[in-house]
Amino acid sequence: MKFMHITFHFEYADNIEQILDRHEIENFVRYPMREGRDRDGKHYGTQVYPGSTTVVQAQVPDDQVADMLRDLKAFRDKKNSHRHLEALVLPIEQRL
């Protein structure tokens, strides 16, 4: 089992959830409307720094990680406005 940490612009939350559903990922947490910074600068949900970031953290079986990353990369590469998506994969050492 791996821990996947995905960040993206908030308006793509439904698209990312569809990818999770396609891979039958049932255990995830979504943190909408977070303040953050990426290659285009700050996103604090204000007039000065518009936009916000959404974070999804999911438990992904080892055998699904490569396919999931492939689909996330395909989404990111599809449009220039998706370029902010990032995904990190971390080991889960213990699970309760």
PDB file of N, CA and C in Angstrom:
ATOM      1  N   MET A   1       0.853  -1.180   0.000  1.00  0.00           N
ATOM      2  CA  MET A   1       0.000   0.000   0.000  1.00  0.00           C
ATOM      3  C   MET A   1       0.893   1.235   0.000  1.00  0.00           C
ATOM      4  N   LYS A   2       0.492   2.234  -0.780  1.00  0.00           N
ATOM      5  CA  LYS A   2       1.213   3.504  -0.851  1.00  0.00           C
ATOM      6  C   LYS A   2       0.276   4.640  -0.453  1.00  0.00           C
ATOM      7  N   PHE A   3       0.884   5.742  -0.059  1.00  0.00           N
ATOM      8  CA  PHE A   3       0.168   6.966   0.285  1.00  0.00           C
ATOM      9  C   PHE A   3       0.412   7.951  -0.852  1.00  0.00           C
ATOM     10  N   MET A   4      -0.645   8.369  -1.524  1.00  0.00           N
ATOM     11  CA  MET A   4      -0.514   9.300  -2.642  1.00  0.00           C
ATOM     12  C   MET A   4      -1.051  10.663  -2.218  1.00  0.00           C
ATOM     13  N   HIS A   5      -0.239  11.673  -2.409  1.00  0.00           N
ATOM     14  CA  HIS A   5      -0.566  13.061  -2.069  1.00  0.00           C
ATOM     15  C   HIS A   5      -0.651  13.818  -3.396  1.00  0.00           C
ATOM     16  N   ILE A   6      -1.845  14.303  -3.733  1.00  0.00           N
ATOM     17  CA  ILE A   6      -2.086  14.954  -5.025  1.00  0.00           C
ATOM     18  C   ILE A   6      -2.513  16.392  -4.772  1.00  0.00           C
ATOM     19  N   THR A   7      -1.876  17.344  -5.444  1.00  0.00           N
ATOM     20  CA  THR A   7      -2.279  18.749  -5.357  1.00  0.00           C
ATOM     21  C   THR A   7      -2.620  19.250  -6.753  1.00  0.00           C
ATOM     22  N   PHE A   8      -3.622  20.132  -6.824  1.00  0.00           N
ATOM     23  CA  PHE A   8      -4.092  20.647  -8.110  1.00  0.00           C
ATOM     24  C   PHE A   8      -4.960  21.865  -7.849  1.00  0.00           C
ATOM     25  N   HIS A   9      -5.253  22.621  -8.901  1.00  0.00           N
ATOM     26  CA  HIS A   9      -6.153  23.762  -8.760  1.00  0.00           C
ATOM     27  C   HIS A   9      -7.562  23.254  -8.463  1.00  0.00           C
ATOM     28  N   PHE A  10      -8.243  23.951  -7.575  1.00  0.00           N
ATOM     29  CA  PHE A  10      -9.520  23.497  -7.016  1.00  0.00           C
ATOM     30  C   PHE A  10     -10.571  23.159  -8.059  1.00  0.00           C
ATOM     31  N   GLU A  11     -10.557  23.814  -9.198  1.00  0.00           N
ATOM     32  CA  GLU A  11     -11.620  23.604 -10.182  1.00  0.00           C
ATOM     33  C   GLU A  11     -11.575  22.229 -10.846  1.00  0.00           C
ATOM     34  N   TYR A  12     -10.531  21.459 -10.601  1.00  0.00           N
ATOM     35  CA  TYR A  12     -10.407  20.134 -11.213  1.00  0.00           C
ATOM     36  C   TYR A  12     -10.696  19.001 -10.234  1.00  0.00           C
ATOM     37  N   ALA A  13     -11.302  19.305  -9.103  1.00  0.00           N
ATOM     38  CA  ALA A  13     -11.568  18.289  -8.076  1.00  0.00           C
ATOM     39  C   ALA A  13     -12.417  17.138  -8.612  1.00  0.00           C
ATOM     40  N   ASP A  14     -13.450  17.443  -9.386  1.00  0.00           N
ATOM     41  CA  ASP A  14     -14.303  16.376  -9.922  1.00  0.00           C
ATOM     42  C   ASP A  14     -13.532  15.485 -10.885  1.00  0.00           C
ATOM     43  N   ASN A  15     -12.662  16.076 -11.699  1.00  0.00           N
ATOM     44  CA  ASN A  15     -11.857  15.286 -12.631  1.00  0.00           C
ATOM     45  C   ASN A  15     -10.936  14.313 -11.888  1.00  0.00           C
ATOM     46  N   ILE A  16     -10.315  14.802 -10.833  1.00  0.00           N
ATOM     47  CA  ILE A  16      -9.406  13.952 -10.066  1.00  0.00           C
ATOM     48  C   ILE A  16     -10.190  12.860  -9.347  1.00  0.00           C
ATOM     49  N   GLU A  17     -11.357  13.197  -8.830  1.00  0.00           N
ATOM     50  CA  GLU A  17     -12.178  12.180  -8.173  1.00  0.00           C
ATOM     51  C   GLU A  17     -12.622  11.106  -9.168  1.00  0.00           C
ATOM     52  N   GLN A  18     -12.879  11.477 -10.411  1.00  0.00           N
ATOM     53  CA  GLN A  18     -13.216  10.488 -11.440  1.00  0.00           C
ATOM     54  C   GLN A  18     -12.059   9.520 -11.671  1.00  0.00           C
ATOM     55  N   ILE A  19     -10.836  10.032 -11.643  1.00  0.00           N
ATOM     56  CA  ILE A  19      -9.667   9.158 -11.790  1.00  0.00           C
ATOM     57  C   ILE A  19      -9.586   8.198 -10.605  1.00  0.00           C
ATOM     58  N   LEU A  20      -9.811   8.710  -9.401  1.00  0.00           N
ATOM     59  CA  LEU A  20      -9.821   7.839  -8.218  1.00  0.00           C
ATOM     60  C   LEU A  20     -10.900   6.765  -8.345  1.00  0.00           C
ATOM     61  N   ASP A  21     -12.086   7.151  -8.788  1.00  0.00           N
ATOM     62  CA  ASP A  21     -13.184   6.196  -8.956  1.00  0.00           C
ATOM     63  C   ASP A  21     -12.840   5.135 -10.000  1.00  0.00           C
ATOM     64  N   ARG A  22     -12.225   5.561 -11.086  1.00  0.00           N
ATOM     65  CA  ARG A  22     -11.855   4.631 -12.160  1.00  0.00           C
ATOM     66  C   ARG A  22     -10.894   3.552 -11.643  1.00  0.00           C
ATOM     67  N   HIS A  23     -10.084   3.918 -10.668  1.00  0.00           N
ATOM     68  CA  HIS A  23      -9.126   2.970 -10.090  1.00  0.00           C
ATOM     69  C   HIS A  23      -9.650   2.332  -8.800  1.00  0.00           C
ATOM     70  N   GLU A  24     -10.935   2.565  -8.513  1.00  0.00           N
ATOM     71  CA  GLU A  24     -11.620   1.993  -7.350  1.00  0.00           C
ATOM     72  C   GLU A  24     -10.909   2.320  -6.036  1.00  0.00           C
ATOM     73  N   ILE A  25     -10.430   3.562  -5.944  1.00  0.00           N
ATOM     74  CA  ILE A  25      -9.806   4.045  -4.718  1.00  0.00           C
ATOM     75  C   ILE A  25     -10.918   4.580  -3.822  1.00  0.00           C
ATOM     76  N   GLU A  26     -11.183   3.865  -2.747  1.00  0.00           N
ATOM     77  CA  GLU A  26     -12.283   4.232  -1.859  1.00  0.00           C
ATOM     78  C   GLU A  26     -11.820   5.034  -0.648  1.00  0.00           C
ATOM     79  N   ASN A  27     -10.581   4.859  -0.239  1.00  0.00           N
ATOM     80  CA  ASN A  27     -10.066   5.544   0.950  1.00  0.00           C
ATOM     81  C   ASN A  27      -9.248   6.752   0.545  1.00  0.00           C
ATOM     82  N   PHE A  28      -9.876   7.906   0.615  1.00  0.00           N
ATOM     83  CA  PHE A  28      -9.144   9.141   0.350  1.00  0.00           C
ATOM     84  C   PHE A  28      -9.763  10.278   1.141  1.00  0.00           C
ATOM     85  N   VAL A  29      -8.980  11.321   1.301  1.00  0.00           N
ATOM     86  CA  VAL A  29      -9.433  12.538   1.973  1.00  0.00           C
ATOM     87  C   VAL A  29      -9.176  13.690   1.023  1.00  0.00           C
ATOM     88  N   ARG A  30     -10.151  14.585   0.917  1.00  0.00           N
ATOM     89  CA  ARG A  30      -9.981  15.761   0.061  1.00  0.00           C
ATOM     90  C   ARG A  30     -10.030  17.009   0.929  1.00  0.00           C
ATOM     91  N   TYR A  31      -9.020  17.846   0.774  1.00  0.00           N
ATOM     92  CA  TYR A  31      -8.945  19.128   1.477  1.00  0.00           C
ATOM     93  C   TYR A  31      -9.163  20.230   0.438  1.00  0.00           C
ATOM     94  N   PRO A  32     -10.385  20.729   0.304  1.00  0.00           N
ATOM     95  CA  PRO A  32     -10.657  21.739  -0.719  1.00  0.00           C
ATOM     96  C   PRO A  32     -10.236  23.140  -0.275  1.00  0.00           C
ATOM     97  N   MET A  33     -10.038  23.982  -1.259  1.00  0.00           N
ATOM     98  CA  MET A  33      -9.843  25.415  -1.043  1.00  0.00           C
ATOM     99  C   MET A  33      -8.712  25.724  -0.063  1.00  0.00           C
ATOM    100  N   ARG A  34      -7.576  25.112  -0.251  1.00  0.00           N
ATOM    101  CA  ARG A  34      -6.390  25.376   0.568  1.00  0.00           C
ATOM    102  C   ARG A  34      -5.582  26.501  -0.058  1.00  0.00           C
ATOM    103  N   GLU A  35      -4.910  27.242   0.767  1.00  0.00           N
ATOM    104  CA  GLU A  35      -3.995  28.266   0.268  1.00  0.00           C
ATOM    105  C   GLU A  35      -2.681  27.593  -0.100  1.00  0.00           C
ATOM    106  N   GLY A  36      -2.073  28.051  -1.185  1.00  0.00           N
ATOM    107  CA  GLY A  36      -0.810  27.443  -1.594  1.00  0.00           C
ATOM    108  C   GLY A  36      -0.087  28.286  -2.624  1.00  0.00           C
ATOM    109  N   ARG A  37       1.049  27.781  -3.030  1.00  0.00           N
ATOM    110  CA  ARG A  37       1.855  28.460  -4.043  1.00  0.00           C
ATOM    111  C   ARG A  37       2.368  27.404  -5.007  1.00  0.00           C
ATOM    112  N   ASP A  38       2.396  27.754  -6.286  1.00  0.00           N
ATOM    113  CA  ASP A  38       2.946  26.865  -7.299  1.00  0.00           C
ATOM    114  C   ASP A  38       3.738  27.696  -8.295  1.00  0.00           C
ATOM    115  N   ARG A  39       4.013  27.128  -9.444  1.00  0.00           N
ATOM    116  CA  ARG A  39       4.863  27.809 -10.430  1.00  0.00           C
ATOM    117  C   ARG A  39       4.302  29.153 -10.891  1.00  0.00           C
ATOM    118  N   ASP A  40       2.991  29.360 -10.740  1.00  0.00           N
ATOM    119  CA  ASP A  40       2.387  30.634 -11.139  1.00  0.00           C
ATOM    120  C   ASP A  40       2.252  31.615  -9.983  1.00  0.00           C
ATOM    121  N   GLY A  41       2.712  31.241  -8.818  1.00  0.00           N
ATOM    122  CA  GLY A  41       2.663  32.145  -7.677  1.00  0.00           C
ATOM    123  C   GLY A  41       1.698  31.686  -6.606  1.00  0.00           C
ATOM    124  N   LYS A  42       1.261  32.648  -5.796  1.00  0.00           N
ATOM    125  CA  LYS A  42       0.402  32.370  -4.647  1.00  0.00           C
ATOM    126  C   LYS A  42      -1.054  32.225  -5.076  1.00  0.00           C
ATOM    127  N   HIS A  43      -1.773  31.344  -4.376  1.00  0.00           N
ATOM    128  CA  HIS A  43      -3.208  31.135  -4.590  1.00  0.00           C
ATOM    129  C   HIS A  43      -3.861  31.123  -3.211  1.00  0.00           C
ATOM    130  N   TYR A  44      -4.328  32.295  -2.802  1.00  0.00           N
ATOM    131  CA  TYR A  44      -4.886  32.456  -1.462  1.00  0.00           C
ATOM    132  C   TYR A  44      -6.387  32.745  -1.477  1.00  0.00           C
ATOM    133  N   GLY A  45      -7.026  32.639  -2.635  1.00  0.00           N
ATOM    134  CA  GLY A  45      -8.462  32.877  -2.707  1.00  0.00           C
ATOM    135  C   GLY A  45      -8.858  34.325  -2.512  1.00  0.00           C
ATOM    136  N   THR A  46      -7.946  35.247  -2.814  1.00  0.00           N
ATOM    137  CA  THR A  46      -8.225  36.674  -2.661  1.00  0.00           C
ATOM    138  C   THR A  46      -8.136  37.347  -4.021  1.00  0.00           C
ATOM    139  N   GLN A  47      -8.511  38.633  -4.065  1.00  0.00           N
ATOM    140  CA  GLN A  47      -8.386  39.364  -5.324  1.00  0.00           C
ATOM    141  C   GLN A  47      -6.926  39.557  -5.710  1.00  0.00           C
ATOM    142  N   VAL A  48      -6.078  39.714  -4.738  1.00  0.00           N
ATOM    143  CA  VAL A  48      -4.653  39.896  -5.012  1.00  0.00           C
ATOM    144  C   VAL A  48      -4.019  38.577  -5.440  1.00  0.00           C
ATOM    145  N   TYR A  49      -4.377  37.494  -4.756  1.00  0.00           N
ATOM    146  CA  TYR A  49      -3.837  36.159  -5.056  1.00  0.00           C
ATOM    147  C   TYR A  49      -5.009  35.204  -5.304  1.00  0.00           C
ATOM    148  N   PRO A  50      -5.615  35.264  -6.503  1.00  0.00           N
ATOM    149  CA  PRO A  50      -6.818  34.469  -6.774  1.00  0.00           C
ATOM    150  C   PRO A  50      -6.523  32.970  -6.890  1.00  0.00           C
ATOM    151  N   GLY A  51      -7.599  32.202  -6.768  1.00  0.00           N
ATOM    152  CA  GLY A  51      -7.506  30.756  -6.910  1.00  0.00           C
ATOM    153  C   GLY A  51      -7.154  30.087  -5.597  1.00  0.00           C
ATOM    154  N   SER A  52      -7.241  28.779  -5.605  1.00  0.00           N
ATOM    155  CA  SER A  52      -6.847  28.005  -4.433  1.00  0.00           C
ATOM    156  C   SER A  52      -6.447  26.607  -4.883  1.00  0.00           C
ATOM    157  N   THR A  53      -5.871  25.890  -3.969  1.00  0.00           N
ATOM    158  CA  THR A  53      -5.366  24.548  -4.235  1.00  0.00           C
ATOM    159  C   THR A  53      -6.228  23.534  -3.502  1.00  0.00           C
ATOM    160  N   THR A  54      -6.414  22.379  -4.100  1.00  0.00           N
ATOM    161  CA  THR A  54      -7.066  21.263  -3.434  1.00  0.00           C
ATOM    162  C   THR A  54      -6.030  20.167  -3.249  1.00  0.00           C
ATOM    163  N   VAL A  55      -6.114  19.496  -2.122  1.00  0.00           N
ATOM    164  CA  VAL A  55      -5.212  18.385  -1.817  1.00  0.00           C
ATOM    165  C   VAL A  55      -6.058  17.129  -1.653  1.00  0.00           C
ATOM    166  N   VAL A  56      -5.632  16.053  -2.294  1.00  0.00           N
ATOM    167  CA  VAL A  56      -6.245  14.744  -2.091  1.00  0.00           C
ATOM    168  C   VAL A  56      -5.156  13.810  -1.590  1.00  0.00           C
ATOM    169  N   GLN A  57      -5.466  13.093  -0.530  1.00  0.00           N
ATOM    170  CA  GLN A  57      -4.553  12.084  -0.004  1.00  0.00           C
ATOM    171  C   GLN A  57      -5.281  10.750  -0.048  1.00  0.00           C
ATOM    172  N   ALA A  58      -4.644   9.761  -0.666  1.00  0.00           N
ATOM    173  CA  ALA A  58      -5.306   8.478  -0.889  1.00  0.00           C
ATOM    174  C   ALA A  58      -4.391   7.315  -0.550  1.00  0.00           C
ATOM    175  N   GLN A  59      -5.017   6.229  -0.129  1.00  0.00           N
ATOM    176  CA  GLN A  59      -4.319   4.960   0.036  1.00  0.00           C
ATOM    177  C   GLN A  59      -4.474   4.192  -1.272  1.00  0.00           C
ATOM    178  N   VAL A  60      -3.352   3.860  -1.886  1.00  0.00           N
ATOM    179  CA  VAL A  60      -3.377   3.224  -3.201  1.00  0.00           C
ATOM    180  C   VAL A  60      -2.619   1.896  -3.122  1.00  0.00           C
ATOM    181  N   PRO A  61      -3.253   0.795  -3.534  1.00  0.00           N
ATOM    182  CA  PRO A  61      -2.542  -0.481  -3.551  1.00  0.00           C
ATOM    183  C   PRO A  61      -1.306  -0.407  -4.454  1.00  0.00           C
ATOM    184  N   ASP A  62      -0.256  -1.104  -4.054  1.00  0.00           N
ATOM    185  CA  ASP A  62       1.007  -1.071  -4.798  1.00  0.00           C
ATOM    186  C   ASP A  62       0.818  -1.347  -6.285  1.00  0.00           C
ATOM    187  N   ASP A  63      -0.030  -2.319  -6.615  1.00  0.00           N
ATOM    188  CA  ASP A  63      -0.184  -2.706  -8.018  1.00  0.00           C
ATOM    189  C   ASP A  63      -0.999  -1.703  -8.839  1.00  0.00           C
ATOM    190  N   GLN A  64      -1.543  -0.663  -8.217  1.00  0.00           N
ATOM    191  CA  GLN A  64      -2.316   0.344  -8.948  1.00  0.00           C
ATOM    192  C   GLN A  64      -1.592   1.679  -9.086  1.00  0.00           C
ATOM    193  N   VAL A  65      -0.460   1.823  -8.411  1.00  0.00           N
ATOM    194  CA  VAL A  65       0.238   3.109  -8.399  1.00  0.00           C
ATOM    195  C   VAL A  65       0.652   3.541  -9.801  1.00  0.00           C
ATOM    196  N   ALA A  66       1.282   2.669 -10.564  1.00  0.00           N
ATOM    197  CA  ALA A  66       1.778   3.036 -11.897  1.00  0.00           C
ATOM    198  C   ALA A  66       0.638   3.469 -12.815  1.00  0.00           C
ATOM    199  N   ASP A  67      -0.468   2.721 -12.814  1.00  0.00           N
ATOM    200  CA  ASP A  67      -1.610   3.079 -13.666  1.00  0.00           C
ATOM    201  C   ASP A  67      -2.231   4.398 -13.234  1.00  0.00           C
ATOM    202  N   MET A  68      -2.316   4.598 -11.939  1.00  0.00           N
ATOM    203  CA  MET A  68      -2.887   5.846 -11.430  1.00  0.00           C
ATOM    204  C   MET A  68      -2.008   7.036 -11.809  1.00  0.00           C
ATOM    205  N   LEU A  69      -0.698   6.899 -11.643  1.00  0.00           N
ATOM    206  CA  LEU A  69       0.214   7.974 -12.045  1.00  0.00           C
ATOM    207  C   LEU A  69       0.129   8.232 -13.544  1.00  0.00           C
ATOM    208  N   ARG A  70      -0.024   7.181 -14.321  1.00  0.00           N
ATOM    209  CA  ARG A  70      -0.164   7.339 -15.773  1.00  0.00           C
ATOM    210  C   ARG A  70      -1.403   8.176 -16.100  1.00  0.00           C
ATOM    211  N   ASP A  71      -2.531   7.881 -15.441  1.00  0.00           N
ATOM    212  CA  ASP A  71      -3.764   8.629 -15.703  1.00  0.00           C
ATOM    213  C   ASP A  71      -3.666  10.070 -15.206  1.00  0.00           C
ATOM    214  N   LEU A  72      -3.027  10.280 -14.065  1.00  0.00           N
ATOM    215  CA  LEU A  72      -2.835  11.644 -13.570  1.00  0.00           C
ATOM    216  C   LEU A  72      -1.928  12.437 -14.507  1.00  0.00           C
ATOM    217  N   LYS A  73      -0.881  11.797 -15.016  1.00  0.00           N
ATOM    218  CA  LYS A  73       0.018  12.465 -15.959  1.00  0.00           C
ATOM    219  C   LYS A  73      -0.717  12.792 -17.255  1.00  0.00           C
ATOM    220  N   ALA A  74      -1.549  11.875 -17.734  1.00  0.00           N
ATOM    221  CA  ALA A  74      -2.327  12.128 -18.952  1.00  0.00           C
ATOM    222  C   ALA A  74      -3.246  13.329 -18.744  1.00  0.00           C
ATOM    223  N   PHE A  75      -3.882  13.420 -17.579  1.00  0.00           N
ATOM    224  CA  PHE A  75      -4.732  14.569 -17.277  1.00  0.00           C
ATOM    225  C   PHE A  75      -3.901  15.845 -17.261  1.00  0.00           C
ATOM    226  N   ARG A  76      -2.759  15.820 -16.591  1.00  0.00           N
ATOM    227  CA  ARG A  76      -1.898  17.007 -16.504  1.00  0.00           C
ATOM    228  C   ARG A  76      -1.419  17.448 -17.883  1.00  0.00           C
ATOM    229  N   ASP A  77      -1.079  16.501 -18.732  1.00  0.00           N
ATOM    230  CA  ASP A  77      -0.537  16.828 -20.051  1.00  0.00           C
ATOM    231  C   ASP A  77      -1.604  17.222 -21.067  1.00  0.00           C
ATOM    232  N   LYS A  78      -2.864  16.978 -20.743  1.00  0.00           N
ATOM    233  CA  LYS A  78      -3.961  17.228 -21.687  1.00  0.00           C
ATOM    234  C   LYS A  78      -4.145  18.711 -22.003  1.00  0.00           C
ATOM    235  N   LYS A  79      -4.012  19.571 -20.999  1.00  0.00           N
ATOM    236  CA  LYS A  79      -4.208  21.013 -21.178  1.00  0.00           C
ATOM    237  C   LYS A  79      -3.163  21.769 -20.378  1.00  0.00           C
ATOM    238  N   ASN A  80      -2.779  22.906 -20.870  1.00  0.00           N
ATOM    239  CA  ASN A  80      -1.809  23.729 -20.155  1.00  0.00           C
ATOM    240  C   ASN A  80      -2.337  24.144 -18.781  1.00  0.00           C
ATOM    241  N   SER A  81      -3.642  24.330 -18.654  1.00  0.00           N
ATOM    242  CA  SER A  81      -4.220  24.747 -17.367  1.00  0.00           C
ATOM    243  C   SER A  81      -4.162  23.636 -16.311  1.00  0.00           C
ATOM    244  N   HIS A  82      -3.839  22.408 -16.707  1.00  0.00           N
ATOM    245  CA  HIS A  82      -3.713  21.288 -15.768  1.00  0.00           C
ATOM    246  C   HIS A  82      -2.283  21.120 -15.263  1.00  0.00           C
ATOM    247  N   ARG A  83      -1.374  21.952 -15.731  1.00  0.00           N
ATOM    248  CA  ARG A  83       0.057  21.753 -15.477  1.00  0.00           C
ATOM    249  C   ARG A  83       0.438  21.847 -14.005  1.00  0.00           C
ATOM    250  N   HIS A  84      -0.446  22.338 -13.172  1.00  0.00           N
ATOM    251  CA  HIS A  84      -0.128  22.512 -11.750  1.00  0.00           C
ATOM    252  C   HIS A  84      -0.286  21.225 -10.946  1.00  0.00           C
ATOM    253  N   LEU A  85      -0.906  20.216 -11.534  1.00  0.00           N
ATOM    254  CA  LEU A  85      -1.115  18.970 -10.810  1.00  0.00           C
ATOM    255  C   LEU A  85       0.227  18.333 -10.453  1.00  0.00           C
ATOM    256  N   GLU A  86       0.347  17.924  -9.208  1.00  0.00           N
ATOM    257  CA  GLU A  86       1.524  17.181  -8.755  1.00  0.00           C
ATOM    258  C   GLU A  86       1.049  16.001  -7.920  1.00  0.00           C
ATOM    259  N   ALA A  87       1.776  14.903  -8.007  1.00  0.00           N
ATOM    260  CA  ALA A  87       1.452  13.721  -7.208  1.00  0.00           C
ATOM    261  C   ALA A  87       2.733  13.167  -6.601  1.00  0.00           C
ATOM    262  N   LEU A  88       2.663  12.889  -5.322  1.00  0.00           N
ATOM    263  CA  LEU A  88       3.776  12.275  -4.598  1.00  0.00           C
ATOM    264  C   LEU A  88       3.324  10.907  -4.116  1.00  0.00           C
ATOM    265  N   VAL A  89       4.210   9.934  -4.180  1.00  0.00           N
ATOM    266  CA  VAL A  89       3.908   8.587  -3.695  1.00  0.00           C
ATOM    267  C   VAL A  89       4.878   8.265  -2.571  1.00  0.00           C
ATOM    268  N   LEU A  90       4.313   7.927  -1.423  1.00  0.00           N
ATOM    269  CA  LEU A  90       5.115   7.633  -0.235  1.00  0.00           C
ATOM    270  C   LEU A  90       4.767   6.241   0.289  1.00  0.00           C
ATOM    271  N   PRO A  91       5.729   5.563   0.878  1.00  0.00           N
ATOM    272  CA  PRO A  91       5.425   4.244   1.444  1.00  0.00           C
ATOM    273  C   PRO A  91       4.585   4.379   2.717  1.00  0.00           C
ATOM    274  N   ILE A  92       3.748   3.406   2.930  1.00  0.00           N
ATOM    275  CA  ILE A  92       3.013   3.306   4.189  1.00  0.00           C
ATOM    276  C   ILE A  92       3.708   2.218   4.992  1.00  0.00           C
ATOM    277  N   GLU A  93       4.335   2.608   6.068  1.00  0.00           N
ATOM    278  CA  GLU A  93       5.095   1.649   6.869  1.00  0.00           C
ATOM    279  C   GLU A  93       4.202   0.818   7.774  1.00  0.00           C
ATOM    280  N   GLN A  94       3.157   1.442   8.294  1.00  0.00           N
ATOM    281  CA  GLN A  94       2.222   0.717   9.148  1.00  0.00           C
ATOM    282  C   GLN A  94       0.826   1.242   8.887  1.00  0.00           C
ATOM    283  N   ARG A  95      -0.136   0.371   9.104  1.00  0.00           N
ATOM    284  CA  ARG A  95      -1.529   0.755   8.906  1.00  0.00           C
ATOM    285  C   ARG A  95      -2.356   0.090   9.998  1.00  0.00           C
ATOM    286  N   LEU A  96      -3.272   0.825  10.557  1.00  0.00           N
ATOM    287  CA  LEU A  96      -4.095   0.317  11.650  1.00  0.00           C
ATOM    288  C   LEU A  96      -5.478  -0.012  11.148  1.00  0.00           C
TER     289      LEU A  96
END
